[in-house]
PDB file of N, CA and C in Angstrom:
ATOM      1  N   MET A   1     -30.983   6.034   1.924  1.00  0.00           N
ATOM      2  CA  MET A   1     -29.813   6.386   2.699  1.00  0.00           C
ATOM      3  C   MET A   1     -28.670   5.471   2.264  1.00  0.00           C
ATOM      4  N   PRO A   2     -27.548   6.026   1.799  1.00  0.00           N
ATOM      5  CA  PRO A   2     -26.444   5.189   1.356  1.00  0.00           C
ATOM      6  C   PRO A   2     -25.726   4.532   2.527  1.00  0.00           C
ATOM      7  N   ASP A   3     -25.154   3.388   2.267  1.00  0.00           N
ATOM      8  CA  ASP A   3     -24.249   2.755   3.222  1.00  0.00           C
ATOM      9  C   ASP A   3     -23.051   2.251   2.438  1.00  0.00           C
ATOM     10  N   SER A   4     -22.113   1.613   3.115  1.00  0.00           N
ATOM     11  CA  SER A   4     -20.905   1.172   2.430  1.00  0.00           C
ATOM     12  C   SER A   4     -21.199   0.158   1.341  1.00  0.00           C
ATOM     13  N   GLY A   5     -22.374  -0.497   1.422  1.00  0.00           N
ATOM     14  CA  GLY A   5     -22.767  -1.422   0.364  1.00  0.00           C
ATOM     15  C   GLY A   5     -23.058  -0.701  -0.940  1.00  0.00           C
ATOM     16  N   ASP A   6     -23.294   0.624  -0.885  1.00  0.00           N
ATOM     17  CA  ASP A   6     -23.521   1.413  -2.087  1.00  0.00           C
ATOM     18  C   ASP A   6     -22.204   1.843  -2.732  1.00  0.00           C
ATOM     19  N   LEU A   7     -21.113   1.590  -2.026  1.00  0.00           N
ATOM     20  CA  LEU A   7     -19.781   1.956  -2.494  1.00  0.00           C
ATOM     21  C   LEU A   7     -19.136   0.727  -3.116  1.00  0.00           C
ATOM     22  N   GLU A   8     -18.527   0.889  -4.285  1.00  0.00           N
ATOM     23  CA  GLU A   8     -17.787  -0.208  -4.898  1.00  0.00           C
ATOM     24  C   GLU A   8     -16.317   0.145  -4.897  1.00  0.00           C
ATOM     25  N   VAL A   9     -15.507  -0.760  -4.362  1.00  0.00           N
ATOM     26  CA  VAL A   9     -14.065  -0.559  -4.301  1.00  0.00           C
ATOM     27  C   VAL A   9     -13.410  -1.641  -5.147  1.00  0.00           C
ATOM     28  N   TYR A  10     -12.553  -1.213  -6.049  1.00  0.00           N
ATOM     29  CA  TYR A  10     -11.837  -2.146  -6.919  1.00  0.00           C
ATOM     30  C   TYR A  10     -10.357  -2.091  -6.590  1.00  0.00           C
ATOM     31  N   ARG A  11      -9.708  -3.226  -6.738  1.00  0.00           N
ATOM     32  CA  ARG A  11      -8.261  -3.266  -6.562  1.00  0.00           C
ATOM     33  C   ARG A  11      -7.639  -3.933  -7.784  1.00  0.00           C
ATOM     34  N   LEU A  12      -6.410  -3.586  -8.043  1.00  0.00           N
ATOM     35  CA  LEU A  12      -5.702  -4.120  -9.188  1.00  0.00           C
ATOM     36  C   LEU A  12      -5.114  -5.472  -8.808  1.00  0.00           C
ATOM     37  N   ALA A  13      -5.560  -6.518  -9.497  1.00  0.00           N
ATOM     38  CA  ALA A  13      -5.069  -7.871  -9.236  1.00  0.00           C
ATOM     39  C   ALA A  13      -3.709  -8.063  -9.912  1.00  0.00           C
ATOM     40  N   GLU A  14      -3.004  -9.116  -9.515  1.00  0.00           N
ATOM     41  CA  GLU A  14      -1.705  -9.419 -10.121  1.00  0.00           C
ATOM     42  C   GLU A  14      -1.819  -9.637 -11.614  1.00  0.00           C
ATOM     43  N   SER A  15      -3.004 -10.047 -12.070  1.00  0.00           N
ATOM     44  CA  SER A  15      -3.233 -10.274 -13.501  1.00  0.00           C
ATOM     45  C   SER A  15      -3.324  -8.965 -14.278  1.00  0.00           C
ATOM     46  N   GLY A  16      -3.409  -7.849 -13.545  1.00  0.00           N
ATOM     47  CA  GLY A  16      -3.557  -6.553 -14.197  1.00  0.00           C
ATOM     48  C   GLY A  16      -5.003  -6.145 -14.375  1.00  0.00           C
ATOM     49  N   GLN A  17      -5.926  -6.967 -13.943  1.00  0.00           N
ATOM     50  CA  GLN A  17      -7.345  -6.662 -14.061  1.00  0.00           C
ATOM     51  C   GLN A  17      -7.865  -6.057 -12.761  1.00  0.00           C
ATOM     52  N   SER A  18      -8.867  -5.201 -12.891  1.00  0.00           N
ATOM     53  CA  SER A  18      -9.525  -4.633 -11.718  1.00  0.00           C
ATOM     54  C   SER A  18     -10.533  -5.634 -11.180  1.00  0.00           C
ATOM     55  N   VAL A  19     -10.481  -5.855  -9.870  1.00  0.00           N
ATOM     56  CA  VAL A  19     -11.352  -6.835  -9.225  1.00  0.00           C
ATOM     57  C   VAL A  19     -12.146  -6.130  -8.139  1.00  0.00           C
ATOM     58  N   LEU A  20     -13.457  -6.385  -8.108  1.00  0.00           N
ATOM     59  CA  LEU A  20     -14.317  -5.813  -7.084  1.00  0.00           C
ATOM     60  C   LEU A  20     -13.932  -6.392  -5.732  1.00  0.00           C
ATOM     61  N   GLN A  21     -13.651  -5.526  -4.777  1.00  0.00           N
ATOM     62  CA  GLN A  21     -13.252  -5.962  -3.442  1.00  0.00           C
ATOM     63  C   GLN A  21     -14.491  -6.268  -2.627  1.00  0.00           C
ATOM     64  N   THR A  22     -14.408  -7.280  -1.774  1.00  0.00           N
ATOM     65  CA  THR A  22     -15.548  -7.635  -0.931  1.00  0.00           C
ATOM     66  C   THR A  22     -15.566  -6.740   0.311  1.00  0.00           C
ATOM     67  N   ILE A  23     -16.777  -6.480   0.770  1.00  0.00           N
ATOM     68  CA  ILE A  23     -16.966  -5.629   1.940  1.00  0.00           C
ATOM     69  C   ILE A  23     -16.781  -6.472   3.202  1.00  0.00           C
ATOM     70  N   GLU A  24     -16.168  -5.882   4.227  1.00  0.00           N
ATOM     71  CA  GLU A  24     -15.961  -6.580   5.492  1.00  0.00           C
ATOM     72  C   GLU A  24     -17.263  -6.588   6.290  1.00  0.00           C
ATOM     73  N   GLU A  25     -17.315  -7.385   7.336  1.00  0.00           N
ATOM     74  CA  GLU A  25     -18.545  -7.480   8.130  1.00  0.00           C
ATOM     75  C   GLU A  25     -18.891  -6.188   8.858  1.00  0.00           C
ATOM     76  N   ASN A  26     -17.916  -5.260   9.004  1.00  0.00           N
ATOM     77  CA  ASN A  26     -18.189  -3.971   9.641  1.00  0.00           C
ATOM     78  C   ASN A  26     -18.688  -2.937   8.630  1.00  0.00           C
ATOM     79  N   ASN A  27     -18.979  -3.370   7.410  1.00  0.00           N
ATOM     80  CA  ASN A  27     -19.456  -2.523   6.306  1.00  0.00           C
ATOM     81  C   ASN A  27     -18.397  -1.547   5.796  1.00  0.00           C
ATOM     82  N   TYR A  28     -17.134  -1.869   6.033  1.00  0.00           N
ATOM     83  CA  TYR A  28     -16.030  -1.083   5.506  1.00  0.00           C
ATOM     84  C   TYR A  28     -15.199  -1.965   4.583  1.00  0.00           C
ATOM     85  N   TYR A  29     -14.407  -1.325   3.763  1.00  0.00           N
ATOM     86  CA  TYR A  29     -13.485  -2.042   2.895  1.00  0.00           C
ATOM     87  C   TYR A  29     -12.078  -1.944   3.474  1.00  0.00           C
ATOM     88  N   TRP A  30     -11.420  -3.080   3.629  1.00  0.00           N
ATOM     89  CA  TRP A  30     -10.060  -3.102   4.135  1.00  0.00           C
ATOM     90  C   TRP A  30      -9.095  -2.829   2.982  1.00  0.00           C
ATOM     91  N   ILE A  31      -8.215  -1.842   3.159  1.00  0.00           N
ATOM     92  CA  ILE A  31      -7.193  -1.505   2.163  1.00  0.00           C
ATOM     93  C   ILE A  31      -5.856  -1.928   2.782  1.00  0.00           C
ATOM     94  N   PRO A  32      -5.363  -3.128   2.470  1.00  0.00           N
ATOM     95  CA  PRO A  32      -4.186  -3.658   3.171  1.00  0.00           C
ATOM     96  C   PRO A  32      -2.922  -2.820   2.987  1.00  0.00           C
ATOM     97  N   GLU A  33      -2.756  -2.217   1.829  1.00  0.00           N
ATOM     98  CA  GLU A  33      -1.559  -1.409   1.589  1.00  0.00           C
ATOM     99  C   GLU A  33      -1.491  -0.201   2.521  1.00  0.00           C
ATOM    100  N   LEU A  34      -2.643   0.297   2.934  1.00  0.00           N
ATOM    101  CA  LEU A  34      -2.720   1.444   3.836  1.00  0.00           C
ATOM    102  C   LEU A  34      -2.955   1.029   5.287  1.00  0.00           C
ATOM    103  N   ARG A  35      -3.337  -0.244   5.470  1.00  0.00           N
ATOM    104  CA  ARG A  35      -3.705  -0.759   6.787  1.00  0.00           C
ATOM    105  C   ARG A  35      -4.837   0.081   7.381  1.00  0.00           C
ATOM    106  N   LEU A  36      -5.798   0.423   6.531  1.00  0.00           N
ATOM    107  CA  LEU A  36      -6.952   1.235   6.918  1.00  0.00           C
ATOM    108  C   LEU A  36      -8.211   0.673   6.280  1.00  0.00           C
ATOM    109  N   PHE A  37      -9.350   0.989   6.900  1.00  0.00           N
ATOM    110  CA  PHE A  37     -10.653   0.696   6.323  1.00  0.00           C
ATOM    111  C   PHE A  37     -11.190   1.951   5.649  1.00  0.00           C
ATOM    112  N   LEU A  38     -11.957   1.774   4.585  1.00  0.00           N
ATOM    113  CA  LEU A  38     -12.628   2.865   3.886  1.00  0.00           C
ATOM    114  C   LEU A  38     -14.120   2.588   3.918  1.00  0.00           C
ATOM    115  N   GLY A  39     -14.910   3.621   4.217  1.00  0.00           N
ATOM    116  CA  GLY A  39     -16.351   3.435   4.255  1.00  0.00           C
ATOM    117  C   GLY A  39     -17.071   4.757   4.171  1.00  0.00           C
ATOM    118  N   ILE A  40     -18.384   4.680   4.284  1.00  0.00           N
ATOM    119  CA  ILE A  40     -19.239   5.867   4.213  1.00  0.00           C
ATOM    120  C   ILE A  40     -19.652   6.254   5.622  1.00  0.00           C
ATOM    121  N   TRP A  41     -19.534   7.541   5.917  1.00  0.00           N
ATOM    122  CA  TRP A  41     -19.883   8.108   7.218  1.00  0.00           C
ATOM    123  C   TRP A  41     -20.894   9.220   6.986  1.00  0.00           C
ATOM    124  N   GLN A  42     -21.932   9.268   7.809  1.00  0.00           N
ATOM    125  CA  GLN A  42     -22.903  10.350   7.713  1.00  0.00           C
ATOM    126  C   GLN A  42     -22.638  11.339   8.831  1.00  0.00           C
ATOM    127  N   GLY A  43     -22.536  12.615   8.462  1.00  0.00           N
ATOM    128  CA  GLY A  43     -22.308  13.639   9.454  1.00  0.00           C
ATOM    129  C   GLY A  43     -22.178  15.005   8.809  1.00  0.00           C
ATOM    130  N   THR A  44     -21.800  15.983   9.629  1.00  0.00           N
ATOM    131  CA  THR A  44     -21.699  17.355   9.161  1.00  0.00           C
ATOM    132  C   THR A  44     -20.243  17.733   8.966  1.00  0.00           C
ATOM    133  N   ARG A  45     -19.969  18.312   7.832  1.00  0.00           N
ATOM    134  CA  ARG A  45     -18.646  18.846   7.492  1.00  0.00           C
ATOM    135  C   ARG A  45     -18.875  20.110   6.691  1.00  0.00           C
ATOM    136  N   GLU A  46     -18.161  21.171   7.077  1.00  0.00           N
ATOM    137  CA  GLU A  46     -18.284  22.459   6.388  1.00  0.00           C
ATOM    138  C   GLU A  46     -19.747  22.883   6.261  1.00  0.00           C
ATOM    139  N   ASN A  47     -20.473  22.744   7.384  1.00  0.00           N
ATOM    140  CA  ASN A  47     -21.893  23.136   7.480  1.00  0.00           C
ATOM    141  C   ASN A  47     -22.803  22.380   6.518  1.00  0.00           C
ATOM    142  N   ARG A  48     -22.402  21.180   6.151  1.00  0.00           N
ATOM    143  CA  ARG A  48     -23.226  20.372   5.247  1.00  0.00           C
ATOM    144  C   ARG A  48     -23.379  18.968   5.825  1.00  0.00           C
ATOM    145  N   ASN A  49     -24.611  18.587   6.134  1.00  0.00           N
ATOM    146  CA  ASN A  49     -24.888  17.246   6.622  1.00  0.00           C
ATOM    147  C   ASN A  49     -25.071  16.347   5.410  1.00  0.00           C
ATOM    148  N   SER A  50     -24.187  15.363   5.279  1.00  0.00           N
ATOM    149  CA  SER A  50     -24.216  14.516   4.091  1.00  0.00           C
ATOM    150  C   SER A  50     -23.514  13.199   4.384  1.00  0.00           C
ATOM    151  N   TYR A  51     -23.246  12.446   3.341  1.00  0.00           N
ATOM    152  CA  TYR A  51     -22.508  11.200   3.419  1.00  0.00           C
ATOM    153  C   TYR A  51     -21.106  11.455   2.876  1.00  0.00           C
ATOM    154  N   TRP A  52     -20.103  10.975   3.606  1.00  0.00           N
ATOM    155  CA  TRP A  52     -18.707  11.256   3.273  1.00  0.00           C
ATOM    156  C   TRP A  52     -17.892   9.973   3.285  1.00  0.00           C
ATOM    157  N   LEU A  53     -16.899   9.894   2.406  1.00  0.00           N
ATOM    158  CA  LEU A  53     -15.935   8.805   2.480  1.00  0.00           C
ATOM    159  C   LEU A  53     -15.003   9.097   3.645  1.00  0.00           C
ATOM    160  N   ARG A  54     -14.807   8.110   4.507  1.00  0.00           N
ATOM    161  CA  ARG A  54     -13.942   8.302   5.677  1.00  0.00           C
ATOM    162  C   ARG A  54     -13.049   7.082   5.844  1.00  0.00           C
ATOM    163  N   TRP A  55     -11.982   7.274   6.614  1.00  0.00           N
ATOM    164  CA  TRP A  55     -11.021   6.217   6.929  1.00  0.00           C
ATOM    165  C   TRP A  55     -11.152   5.824   8.394  1.00  0.00           C
ATOM    166  N   TRP A  56     -10.982   4.530   8.672  1.00  0.00           N
ATOM    167  CA  TRP A  56     -10.943   3.985  10.024  1.00  0.00           C
ATOM    168  C   TRP A  56      -9.670   3.168  10.170  1.00  0.00           C
ATOM    169  N   ASN A  57      -9.085   3.166  11.383  1.00  0.00           N
ATOM    170  CA  ASN A  57      -7.881   2.372  11.599  1.00  0.00           C
ATOM    171  C   ASN A  57      -8.238   0.907  11.838  1.00  0.00           C
ATOM    172  N   GLU A  58      -7.225   0.093  12.094  1.00  0.00           N
ATOM    173  CA  GLU A  58      -7.423  -1.353  12.274  1.00  0.00           C
ATOM    174  C   GLU A  58      -8.330  -1.678  13.456  1.00  0.00           C
ATOM    175  N   GLN A  59      -8.375  -0.784  14.459  1.00  0.00           N
ATOM    176  CA  GLN A  59      -9.222  -1.001  15.621  1.00  0.00           C
ATOM    177  C   GLN A  59     -10.648  -0.498  15.405  1.00  0.00           C
ATOM    178  N   GLY A  60     -10.934   0.011  14.221  1.00  0.00           N
ATOM    179  CA  GLY A  60     -12.268   0.509  13.923  1.00  0.00           C
ATOM    180  C   GLY A  60     -12.522   1.920  14.387  1.00  0.00           C
ATOM    181  N   GLU A  61     -11.452   2.643  14.755  1.00  0.00           N
ATOM    182  CA  GLU A  61     -11.592   4.029  15.211  1.00  0.00           C
ATOM    183  C   GLU A  61     -11.546   4.976  14.021  1.00  0.00           C
ATOM    184  N   LEU A  62     -12.522   5.864  13.961  1.00  0.00           N
ATOM    185  CA  LEU A  62     -12.603   6.840  12.886  1.00  0.00           C
ATOM    186  C   LEU A  62     -11.406   7.776  12.928  1.00  0.00           C
ATOM    187  N   LEU A  63     -10.722   7.953  11.808  1.00  0.00           N
ATOM    188  CA  LEU A  63      -9.614   8.905  11.735  1.00  0.00           C
ATOM    189  C   LEU A  63     -10.183  10.301  11.543  1.00  0.00           C
ATOM    190  N   LEU A  64      -9.680  11.234  12.311  1.00  0.00           N
ATOM    191  CA  LEU A  64     -10.207  12.594  12.288  1.00  0.00           C
ATOM    192  C   LEU A  64      -9.617  13.400  11.139  1.00  0.00           C
ATOM    193  N   TRP A  65     -10.453  14.274  10.571  1.00  0.00           N
ATOM    194  CA  TRP A  65      -9.961  15.262   9.611  1.00  0.00           C
ATOM    195  C   TRP A  65      -9.149  16.286  10.387  1.00  0.00           C
ATOM    196  N   GLY A  66      -8.330  17.036   9.700  1.00  0.00           N
ATOM    197  CA  GLY A  66      -7.510  18.051  10.341  1.00  0.00           C
ATOM    198  C   GLY A  66      -8.333  19.017  11.171  1.00  0.00           C
ATOM    199  N   SER A  67      -9.468  19.464  10.627  1.00  0.00           N
ATOM    200  CA  SER A  67     -10.315  20.413  11.364  1.00  0.00           C
ATOM    201  C   SER A  67     -10.882  19.779  12.624  1.00  0.00           C
ATOM    202  N   GLU A  68     -11.183  18.484  12.584  1.00  0.00           N
ATOM    203  CA  GLU A  68     -11.695  17.792  13.767  1.00  0.00           C
ATOM    204  C   GLU A  68     -10.615  17.656  14.835  1.00  0.00           C
ATOM    205  N   ARG A  69      -9.368  17.413  14.400  1.00  0.00           N
ATOM    206  CA  ARG A  69      -8.254  17.330  15.365  1.00  0.00           C
ATOM    207  C   ARG A  69      -8.047  18.667  16.059  1.00  0.00           C
ATOM    208  N   VAL A  70      -8.151  19.768  15.295  1.00  0.00           N
ATOM    209  CA  VAL A  70      -7.999  21.107  15.884  1.00  0.00           C
ATOM    210  C   VAL A  70      -9.117  21.371  16.898  1.00  0.00           C
ATOM    211  N   GLU A  71     -10.358  21.031  16.524  1.00  0.00           N
ATOM    212  CA  GLU A  71     -11.488  21.225  17.443  1.00  0.00           C
ATOM    213  C   GLU A  71     -11.304  20.412  18.720  1.00  0.00           C
ATOM    214  N   LYS A  72     -10.843  19.179  18.589  1.00  0.00           N
ATOM    215  CA  LYS A  72     -10.631  18.314  19.749  1.00  0.00           C
ATOM    216  C   LYS A  72      -9.550  18.898  20.657  1.00  0.00           C
ATOM    217  N   LEU A  73      -8.458  19.357  20.062  1.00  0.00           N
ATOM    218  CA  LEU A  73      -7.373  19.960  20.836  1.00  0.00           C
ATOM    219  C   LEU A  73      -7.851  21.237  21.542  1.00  0.00           C
ATOM    220  N   ALA A  74      -8.626  22.059  20.830  1.00  0.00           N
ATOM    221  CA  ALA A  74      -9.144  23.296  21.420  1.00  0.00           C
ATOM    222  C   ALA A  74     -10.036  22.977  22.623  1.00  0.00           C
ATOM    223  N   THR A  75     -10.858  21.944  22.517  1.00  0.00           N
ATOM    224  CA  THR A  75     -11.723  21.534  23.630  1.00  0.00           C
ATOM    225  C   THR A  75     -10.889  21.087  24.822  1.00  0.00           C
ATOM    226  N   GLN A  76      -9.812  20.326  24.559  1.00  0.00           N
ATOM    227  CA  GLN A  76      -8.941  19.864  25.636  1.00  0.00           C
ATOM    228  C   GLN A  76      -8.236  21.045  26.315  1.00  0.00           C
ATOM    229  N   LEU A  77      -7.790  22.015  25.528  1.00  0.00           N
ATOM    230  CA  LEU A  77      -7.128  23.191  26.093  1.00  0.00           C
ATOM    231  C   LEU A  77      -8.086  24.004  26.950  1.00  0.00           C
ATOM    232  N   ARG A  78      -9.315  24.187  26.448  1.00  0.00           N
ATOM    233  CA  ARG A  78     -10.307  24.941  27.232  1.00  0.00           C
ATOM    234  C   ARG A  78     -10.598  24.239  28.561  1.00  0.00           C
ATOM    235  N   ALA A  79     -10.657  22.905  28.525  1.00  0.00           N
ATOM    236  CA  ALA A  79     -10.900  22.146  29.750  1.00  0.00           C
ATOM    237  C   ALA A  79      -9.764  22.332  30.745  1.00  0.00           C
ATOM    238  N   ALA A  80      -8.564  22.631  30.220  1.00  0.00           N
ATOM    239  CA  ALA A  80      -7.398  22.871  31.090  1.00  0.00           C
ATOM    240  C   ALA A  80      -7.272  24.352  31.465  1.00  0.00           C
ATOM    241  N   GLY A  81      -8.252  25.164  31.066  1.00  0.00           N
ATOM    242  CA  GLY A  81      -8.247  26.584  31.421  1.00  0.00           C
ATOM    243  C   GLY A  81      -7.441  27.464  30.481  1.00  0.00           C
ATOM    244  N   ILE A  82      -7.129  26.939  29.281  1.00  0.00           N
ATOM    245  CA  ILE A  82      -6.354  27.707  28.296  1.00  0.00           C
ATOM    246  C   ILE A  82      -7.260  28.023  27.132  1.00  0.00           C
ATOM    247  N   GLU A  83      -7.326  29.297  26.766  1.00  0.00           N
ATOM    248  CA  GLU A  83      -8.144  29.702  25.613  1.00  0.00           C
ATOM    249  C   GLU A  83      -7.237  29.707  24.377  1.00  0.00           C
ATOM    250  N   PRO A  84      -7.464  28.759  23.459  1.00  0.00           N
ATOM    251  CA  PRO A  84      -6.616  28.683  22.257  1.00  0.00           C
ATOM    252  C   PRO A  84      -6.955  29.786  21.257  1.00  0.00           C
ATOM    253  N   GLU A  85      -5.984  30.134  20.453  1.00  0.00           N
ATOM    254  CA  GLU A  85      -6.193  31.101  19.367  1.00  0.00           C
ATOM    255  C   GLU A  85      -6.394  30.301  18.081  1.00  0.00           C
ATOM    256  N   VAL A  86      -7.660  30.030  17.762  1.00  0.00           N
ATOM    257  CA  VAL A  86      -7.967  29.261  16.530  1.00  0.00           C
ATOM    258  C   VAL A  86      -8.659  30.125  15.517  1.00  0.00           C
TER     259      VAL A  86
END
């Protein structure tokens, strides 16, 4: 089973050389230019259960894909008694 330790992230150093980035204690890689973490997530997407590269914010919250945001919004609308047209 892969984890973020199976992922290698390189960044371009000021010297112009690629340098292997160290993994954070949460098993994600911090990308300071984006202010986001990058890591491996296991789950289902497009009817396929697999391992996926995903982004997390500074608080460690998983950023949703567009389809996940739509599903979340549709669930909230249904809870409010509105049937969305998706």
